[in-house]
Amino acid sequence: MSVKNAMTAEFLRSAYGGESMAHMRYLGWADKADKEGLPKIAQAVPGRRLRRAGARHKPFRRAERGRGRRMSLTAGAFFGMKDTAENLIGAIAGEEHEVDQMYPVYYETAKFQGEKDAMRTFHFALEAEKLHAGFFRQAREKALGKKDMEFEAMYICPVCGHTVADEAPDKCPVCGVAKEKYVRF
């Protein structure tokens, strides 16, 4: 991805850094859910296995070329370890921050600056975060009742991060990738 405008490049680096920090928080929170006997919540999007797949970070990897520059990192979630239901409040807050504030601003800036590749990247991230917030809300409801989530498997699109439980769609509704390309966890 070639980015000509400094602000869009900064937003790509910030998104990559923020997603990386979320990855680390979610790894710890997934371990806590495992210890509380909630292995499906630990696996839920974007839980430990899906985060390890790296699909969520794929759109931002090229933005890493700007390493070494100072960058701001936007995060709407808290840091630290609490019980799973409390950790999920942090996860929901982080995802909602990205959906309601961060990615819409990043997308509109890229659009204003004519950065089509960045627009696509931010669109993919925004759509994935909407799903993740929903999964976290479902997981929290279960955790509050000391119950685990119920699904056979999770499927993630390797291009945009679209994630679904139990069965992949015939075609990704975000990027159009075929069902066969989804990764099963």
C-alpha atoms as a PDB file:
ATOM      1  CA  MET A   1       0.000   0.000   0.000  1.00  0.00           C
ATOM      2  CA  SER A   2       1.455   3.308  -1.033  1.00  0.00           C
ATOM      3  CA  VAL A   3       0.202   6.208   1.065  1.00  0.00           C
ATOM      4  CA  LYS A   4       0.982   9.744  -0.081  1.00  0.00           C
ATOM      5  CA  ASN A   5      -0.555  11.758   2.753  1.00  0.00           C
ATOM      6  CA  ALA A   6       1.073  11.984   6.167  1.00  0.00           C
ATOM      7  CA  MET A   7      -2.195  12.093   8.119  1.00  0.00           C
ATOM      8  CA  THR A   8      -3.563   8.922   6.524  1.00  0.00           C
ATOM      9  CA  ALA A   9      -0.204   7.214   7.036  1.00  0.00           C
ATOM     10  CA  GLU A  10      -0.281   8.242  10.701  1.00  0.00           C
ATOM     11  CA  PHE A  11      -3.804   6.860  11.074  1.00  0.00           C
ATOM     12  CA  LEU A  12      -2.728   3.536   9.538  1.00  0.00           C
ATOM     13  CA  ARG A  13       0.196   3.298  11.976  1.00  0.00           C
ATOM     14  CA  SER A  14      -2.052   4.272  14.882  1.00  0.00           C
ATOM     15  CA  ALA A  15      -4.617   1.622  13.919  1.00  0.00           C
ATOM     16  CA  TYR A  16      -1.909  -1.027  13.633  1.00  0.00           C
ATOM     17  CA  GLY A  17      -0.501  -0.081  17.029  1.00  0.00           C
ATOM     18  CA  GLY A  18      -3.929   0.027  18.641  1.00  0.00           C
ATOM     19  CA  GLU A  19      -4.884  -3.364  17.209  1.00  0.00           C
ATOM     20  CA  SER A  20      -1.577  -4.771  18.459  1.00  0.00           C
ATOM     21  CA  MET A  21      -2.253  -3.475  21.973  1.00  0.00           C
ATOM     22  CA  ALA A  22      -5.781  -4.909  21.872  1.00  0.00           C
ATOM     23  CA  HIS A  23      -4.295  -8.224  20.787  1.00  0.00           C
ATOM     24  CA  MET A  24      -2.119  -8.328  23.894  1.00  0.00           C
ATOM     25  CA  ARG A  25      -5.008  -7.363  26.209  1.00  0.00           C
ATOM     26  CA  TYR A  26      -7.253 -10.009  24.680  1.00  0.00           C
ATOM     27  CA  LEU A  27      -4.623 -12.721  25.044  1.00  0.00           C
ATOM     28  CA  GLY A  28      -4.493 -12.099  28.789  1.00  0.00           C
ATOM     29  CA  TRP A  29      -8.251 -11.784  29.081  1.00  0.00           C
ATOM     30  CA  ALA A  30      -8.690 -15.051  27.145  1.00  0.00           C
ATOM     31  CA  ASP A  31      -6.372 -16.811  29.617  1.00  0.00           C
ATOM     32  CA  LYS A  32      -8.493 -15.449  32.464  1.00  0.00           C
ATOM     33  CA  ALA A  33     -11.677 -16.762  30.813  1.00  0.00           C
ATOM     34  CA  ASP A  34     -10.015 -20.197  30.445  1.00  0.00           C
ATOM     35  CA  LYS A  35      -9.130 -20.168  34.147  1.00  0.00           C
ATOM     36  CA  GLU A  36     -12.743 -19.315  34.975  1.00  0.00           C
ATOM     37  CA  GLY A  37     -13.920 -22.362  32.982  1.00  0.00           C
ATOM     38  CA  LEU A  38     -15.183 -20.356  29.981  1.00  0.00           C
ATOM     39  CA  PRO A  39     -13.153 -21.750  27.044  1.00  0.00           C
ATOM     40  CA  LYS A  40     -15.605 -20.679  24.324  1.00  0.00           C
ATOM     41  CA  ILE A  41     -15.582 -17.108  25.604  1.00  0.00           C
ATOM     42  CA  ALA A  42     -11.783 -17.334  25.573  1.00  0.00           C
ATOM     43  CA  GLN A  43     -12.018 -18.323  21.918  1.00  0.00           C
ATOM     44  CA  ALA A  44     -14.721 -15.792  20.992  1.00  0.00           C
ATOM     45  CA  VAL A  45     -13.890 -13.019  18.593  1.00  0.00           C
ATOM     46  CA  PRO A  46     -11.386 -11.640  18.775  1.00  0.00           C
ATOM     47  CA  GLY A  47     -10.180 -14.243  21.223  1.00  0.00           C
ATOM     48  CA  ARG A  48      -6.887 -15.987  21.528  1.00  0.00           C
ATOM     49  CA  ARG A  49      -7.038 -18.314  18.522  1.00  0.00           C
ATOM     50  CA  LEU A  50      -8.446 -15.758  16.122  1.00  0.00           C
ATOM     51  CA  ARG A  51      -5.973 -13.129  17.211  1.00  0.00           C
ATOM     52  CA  ARG A  52      -3.141 -15.598  16.652  1.00  0.00           C
ATOM     53  CA  ALA A  53      -4.381 -16.070  13.107  1.00  0.00           C
ATOM     54  CA  GLY A  54      -3.340 -12.508  12.390  1.00  0.00           C
ATOM     55  CA  ALA A  55      -6.214 -11.795  10.043  1.00  0.00           C
ATOM     56  CA  ARG A  56      -7.236  -8.720  12.005  1.00  0.00           C
ATOM     57  CA  HIS A  57      -3.774  -7.229  11.582  1.00  0.00           C
ATOM     58  CA  LYS A  58      -3.272  -8.121   7.935  1.00  0.00           C
ATOM     59  CA  PRO A  59      -4.675  -4.861   6.486  1.00  0.00           C
ATOM     60  CA  PHE A  60      -2.342  -2.811   8.674  1.00  0.00           C
ATOM     61  CA  ARG A  61       0.925  -4.698   8.141  1.00  0.00           C
ATOM     62  CA  ARG A  62       2.019  -2.449   5.290  1.00  0.00           C
ATOM     63  CA  ALA A  63       1.514   0.594   7.467  1.00  0.00           C
ATOM     64  CA  GLU A  64       4.333  -0.705   9.616  1.00  0.00           C
ATOM     65  CA  ARG A  65       6.812   0.737   7.101  1.00  0.00           C
ATOM     66  CA  GLY A  66       6.621   3.974   9.041  1.00  0.00           C
ATOM     67  CA  ARG A  67       8.094   2.365  12.159  1.00  0.00           C
ATOM     68  CA  GLY A  68      10.377   4.524  14.156  1.00  0.00           C
ATOM     69  CA  ARG A  69       8.175   7.562  13.810  1.00  0.00           C
ATOM     70  CA  ARG A  70       6.255   8.702  16.832  1.00  0.00           C
ATOM     71  CA  MET A  71       2.624   7.784  16.689  1.00  0.00           C
ATOM     72  CA  SER A  72      -0.417   8.197  18.826  1.00  0.00           C
ATOM     73  CA  LEU A  73      -2.278   5.072  19.834  1.00  0.00           C
ATOM     74  CA  THR A  74      -6.001   5.237  20.248  1.00  0.00           C
ATOM     75  CA  ALA A  75      -7.603   2.768  22.631  1.00  0.00           C
ATOM     76  CA  GLY A  76     -10.999   2.900  24.217  1.00  0.00           C
ATOM     77  CA  ALA A  77     -10.428  -0.042  26.556  1.00  0.00           C
ATOM     78  CA  PHE A  78      -8.838  -0.222  29.973  1.00  0.00           C
ATOM     79  CA  PHE A  79      -5.655  -2.080  30.801  1.00  0.00           C
ATOM     80  CA  GLY A  80      -5.353  -4.632  33.574  1.00  0.00           C
ATOM     81  CA  MET A  81      -6.956  -7.881  34.638  1.00  0.00           C
ATOM     82  CA  LYS A  82     -10.357  -8.287  36.224  1.00  0.00           C
ATOM     83  CA  ASP A  83     -12.880 -11.117  36.024  1.00  0.00           C
ATOM     84  CA  THR A  84     -14.103 -12.135  32.573  1.00  0.00           C
ATOM     85  CA  ALA A  85     -17.384 -10.182  32.716  1.00  0.00           C
ATOM     86  CA  GLU A  86     -15.456  -7.012  33.665  1.00  0.00           C
ATOM     87  CA  ASN A  87     -12.758  -7.646  31.065  1.00  0.00           C
ATOM     88  CA  LEU A  88     -15.490  -7.909  28.462  1.00  0.00           C
ATOM     89  CA  ILE A  89     -16.745  -4.438  29.438  1.00  0.00           C
ATOM     90  CA  GLY A  90     -13.276  -3.185  28.483  1.00  0.00           C
ATOM     91  CA  ALA A  91     -13.344  -5.139  25.251  1.00  0.00           C
ATOM     92  CA  ILE A  92     -16.788  -3.805  24.336  1.00  0.00           C
ATOM     93  CA  ALA A  93     -15.684  -0.238  25.103  1.00  0.00           C
ATOM     94  CA  GLY A  94     -12.618  -0.642  22.902  1.00  0.00           C
ATOM     95  CA  GLU A  95     -14.570  -2.051  19.982  1.00  0.00           C
ATOM     96  CA  GLU A  96     -17.311   0.569  20.288  1.00  0.00           C
ATOM     97  CA  HIS A  97     -14.701   3.336  20.379  1.00  0.00           C
ATOM     98  CA  GLU A  98     -13.285   2.009  17.118  1.00  0.00           C
ATOM     99  CA  VAL A  99     -16.761   1.694  15.543  1.00  0.00           C
ATOM    100  CA  ASP A 100     -18.215   4.999  16.732  1.00  0.00           C
ATOM    101  CA  GLN A 101     -15.180   7.264  16.598  1.00  0.00           C
ATOM    102  CA  MET A 102     -11.837   6.005  15.404  1.00  0.00           C
ATOM    103  CA  TYR A 103     -12.435   4.149  12.141  1.00  0.00           C
ATOM    104  CA  PRO A 104     -15.107   6.520  10.786  1.00  0.00           C
ATOM    105  CA  VAL A 105     -12.692   9.453  11.231  1.00  0.00           C
ATOM    106  CA  TYR A 106      -9.798   7.495   9.737  1.00  0.00           C
ATOM    107  CA  TYR A 107     -11.966   6.413   6.784  1.00  0.00           C
ATOM    108  CA  GLU A 108     -13.254   9.931   6.084  1.00  0.00           C
ATOM    109  CA  THR A 109      -9.733  11.340   6.251  1.00  0.00           C
ATOM    110  CA  ALA A 110      -8.473   8.735   3.787  1.00  0.00           C
ATOM    111  CA  LYS A 111     -11.444   9.493   1.528  1.00  0.00           C
ATOM    112  CA  PHE A 112     -10.779  13.243   1.703  1.00  0.00           C
ATOM    113  CA  GLN A 113      -7.126  12.616   0.838  1.00  0.00           C
ATOM    114  CA  GLY A 114      -7.948  10.222  -2.020  1.00  0.00           C
ATOM    115  CA  GLU A 115      -6.241   7.239  -0.376  1.00  0.00           C
ATOM    116  CA  LYS A 116      -8.299   4.359  -1.823  1.00  0.00           C
ATOM    117  CA  ASP A 117      -6.227   1.521  -0.345  1.00  0.00           C
ATOM    118  CA  ALA A 118      -6.425   3.090   3.110  1.00  0.00           C
ATOM    119  CA  MET A 119     -10.174   3.618   2.668  1.00  0.00           C
ATOM    120  CA  ARG A 120     -10.591  -0.099   1.961  1.00  0.00           C
ATOM    121  CA  THR A 121      -8.429  -1.021   4.969  1.00  0.00           C
ATOM    122  CA  PHE A 122     -10.396   1.216   7.327  1.00  0.00           C
ATOM    123  CA  HIS A 123     -13.708  -0.037   5.906  1.00  0.00           C
ATOM    124  CA  PHE A 124     -12.672  -3.659   6.502  1.00  0.00           C
ATOM    125  CA  ALA A 125     -11.581  -2.841  10.057  1.00  0.00           C
ATOM    126  CA  LEU A 126     -14.794  -0.952  10.825  1.00  0.00           C
ATOM    127  CA  GLU A 127     -16.999  -3.804   9.637  1.00  0.00           C
ATOM    128  CA  ALA A 128     -14.983  -6.379  11.618  1.00  0.00           C
ATOM    129  CA  GLU A 129     -15.128  -4.281  14.789  1.00  0.00           C
ATOM    130  CA  LYS A 130     -18.925  -4.076  14.581  1.00  0.00           C
ATOM    131  CA  LEU A 131     -19.081  -7.870  14.684  1.00  0.00           C
ATOM    132  CA  HIS A 132     -16.519  -8.114  17.463  1.00  0.00           C
ATOM    133  CA  ALA A 133     -18.476  -5.706  19.660  1.00  0.00           C
ATOM    134  CA  GLY A 134     -21.559  -7.890  19.167  1.00  0.00           C
ATOM    135  CA  PHE A 135     -19.702 -11.073  20.051  1.00  0.00           C
ATOM    136  CA  PHE A 136     -18.303  -9.415  23.170  1.00  0.00           C
ATOM    137  CA  ARG A 137     -21.784  -8.297  24.256  1.00  0.00           C
ATOM    138  CA  GLN A 138     -23.057 -11.873  23.847  1.00  0.00           C
ATOM    139  CA  ALA A 139     -20.033 -13.237  25.696  1.00  0.00           C
ATOM    140  CA  ARG A 140     -20.539 -10.797  28.587  1.00  0.00           C
ATOM    141  CA  GLU A 141     -24.184 -11.822  29.010  1.00  0.00           C
ATOM    142  CA  LYS A 142     -23.073 -15.444  29.255  1.00  0.00           C
ATOM    143  CA  ALA A 143     -20.199 -14.616  31.637  1.00  0.00           C
ATOM    144  CA  LEU A 144     -22.535 -12.706  33.954  1.00  0.00           C
ATOM    145  CA  GLY A 145     -24.575 -15.917  34.272  1.00  0.00           C
ATOM    146  CA  LYS A 146     -21.378 -17.960  34.753  1.00  0.00           C
ATOM    147  CA  LYS A 147     -22.115 -19.743  31.471  1.00  0.00           C
ATOM    148  CA  ASP A 148     -19.984 -20.247  28.411  1.00  0.00           C
ATOM    149  CA  MET A 149     -20.886 -19.368  24.837  1.00  0.00           C
ATOM    150  CA  GLU A 150     -22.266 -22.090  22.592  1.00  0.00           C
ATOM    151  CA  PHE A 151     -20.898 -22.520  19.093  1.00  0.00           C
ATOM    152  CA  GLU A 152     -19.236 -25.301  17.169  1.00  0.00           C
ATOM    153  CA  ALA A 153     -16.580 -23.213  15.474  1.00  0.00           C
ATOM    154  CA  MET A 154     -15.679 -19.677  14.504  1.00  0.00           C
ATOM    155  CA  TYR A 155     -14.853 -18.678  10.926  1.00  0.00           C
ATOM    156  CA  ILE A 156     -12.773 -15.659   9.967  1.00  0.00           C
ATOM    157  CA  CYS A 157     -12.238 -14.133   6.535  1.00  0.00           C
ATOM    158  CA  PRO A 158      -8.494 -13.967   5.864  1.00  0.00           C
ATOM    159  CA  VAL A 159      -8.861 -10.767   3.835  1.00  0.00           C
ATOM    160  CA  CYS A 160     -11.042  -8.435   5.914  1.00  0.00           C
ATOM    161  CA  GLY A 161     -11.532 -10.135   9.275  1.00  0.00           C
ATOM    162  CA  HIS A 162     -15.292 -10.748   8.913  1.00  0.00           C
ATOM    163  CA  THR A 163     -16.103 -13.291  11.600  1.00  0.00           C
ATOM    164  CA  VAL A 164     -19.055 -15.605  12.135  1.00  0.00           C
ATOM    165  CA  ALA A 165     -19.994 -18.482  14.409  1.00  0.00           C
ATOM    166  CA  ASP A 166     -20.862 -21.997  13.273  1.00  0.00           C
ATOM    167  CA  GLU A 167     -20.771 -21.596   9.467  1.00  0.00           C
ATOM    168  CA  ALA A 168     -19.040 -19.315   6.996  1.00  0.00           C
ATOM    169  CA  PRO A 169     -21.242 -17.519   4.471  1.00  0.00           C
ATOM    170  CA  ASP A 170     -21.063 -18.541   0.816  1.00  0.00           C
ATOM    171  CA  LYS A 171     -19.403 -15.200   0.116  1.00  0.00           C
ATOM    172  CA  CYS A 172     -17.966 -12.662   2.562  1.00  0.00           C
ATOM    173  CA  PRO A 173     -20.462  -9.791   2.823  1.00  0.00           C
ATOM    174  CA  VAL A 174     -17.634  -7.290   3.330  1.00  0.00           C
ATOM    175  CA  CYS A 175     -14.961  -8.190   0.756  1.00  0.00           C
ATOM    176  CA  GLY A 176     -16.532 -10.942  -1.371  1.00  0.00           C
ATOM    177  CA  VAL A 177     -14.065 -13.728  -0.587  1.00  0.00           C
ATOM    178  CA  ALA A 178     -15.379 -17.271  -1.156  1.00  0.00           C
ATOM    179  CA  LYS A 179     -16.558 -19.493   1.711  1.00  0.00           C
ATOM    180  CA  GLU A 180     -13.694 -21.923   1.103  1.00  0.00           C
ATOM    181  CA  LYS A 181     -11.149 -19.251   2.028  1.00  0.00           C
ATOM    182  CA  TYR A 182     -12.532 -18.652   5.542  1.00  0.00           C
ATOM    183  CA  VAL A 183     -10.325 -20.004   8.320  1.00  0.00           C
ATOM    184  CA  ARG A 184     -12.074 -22.290  10.831  1.00  0.00           C
ATOM    185  CA  PHE A 185     -11.260 -22.250  14.554  1.00  0.00           C
END
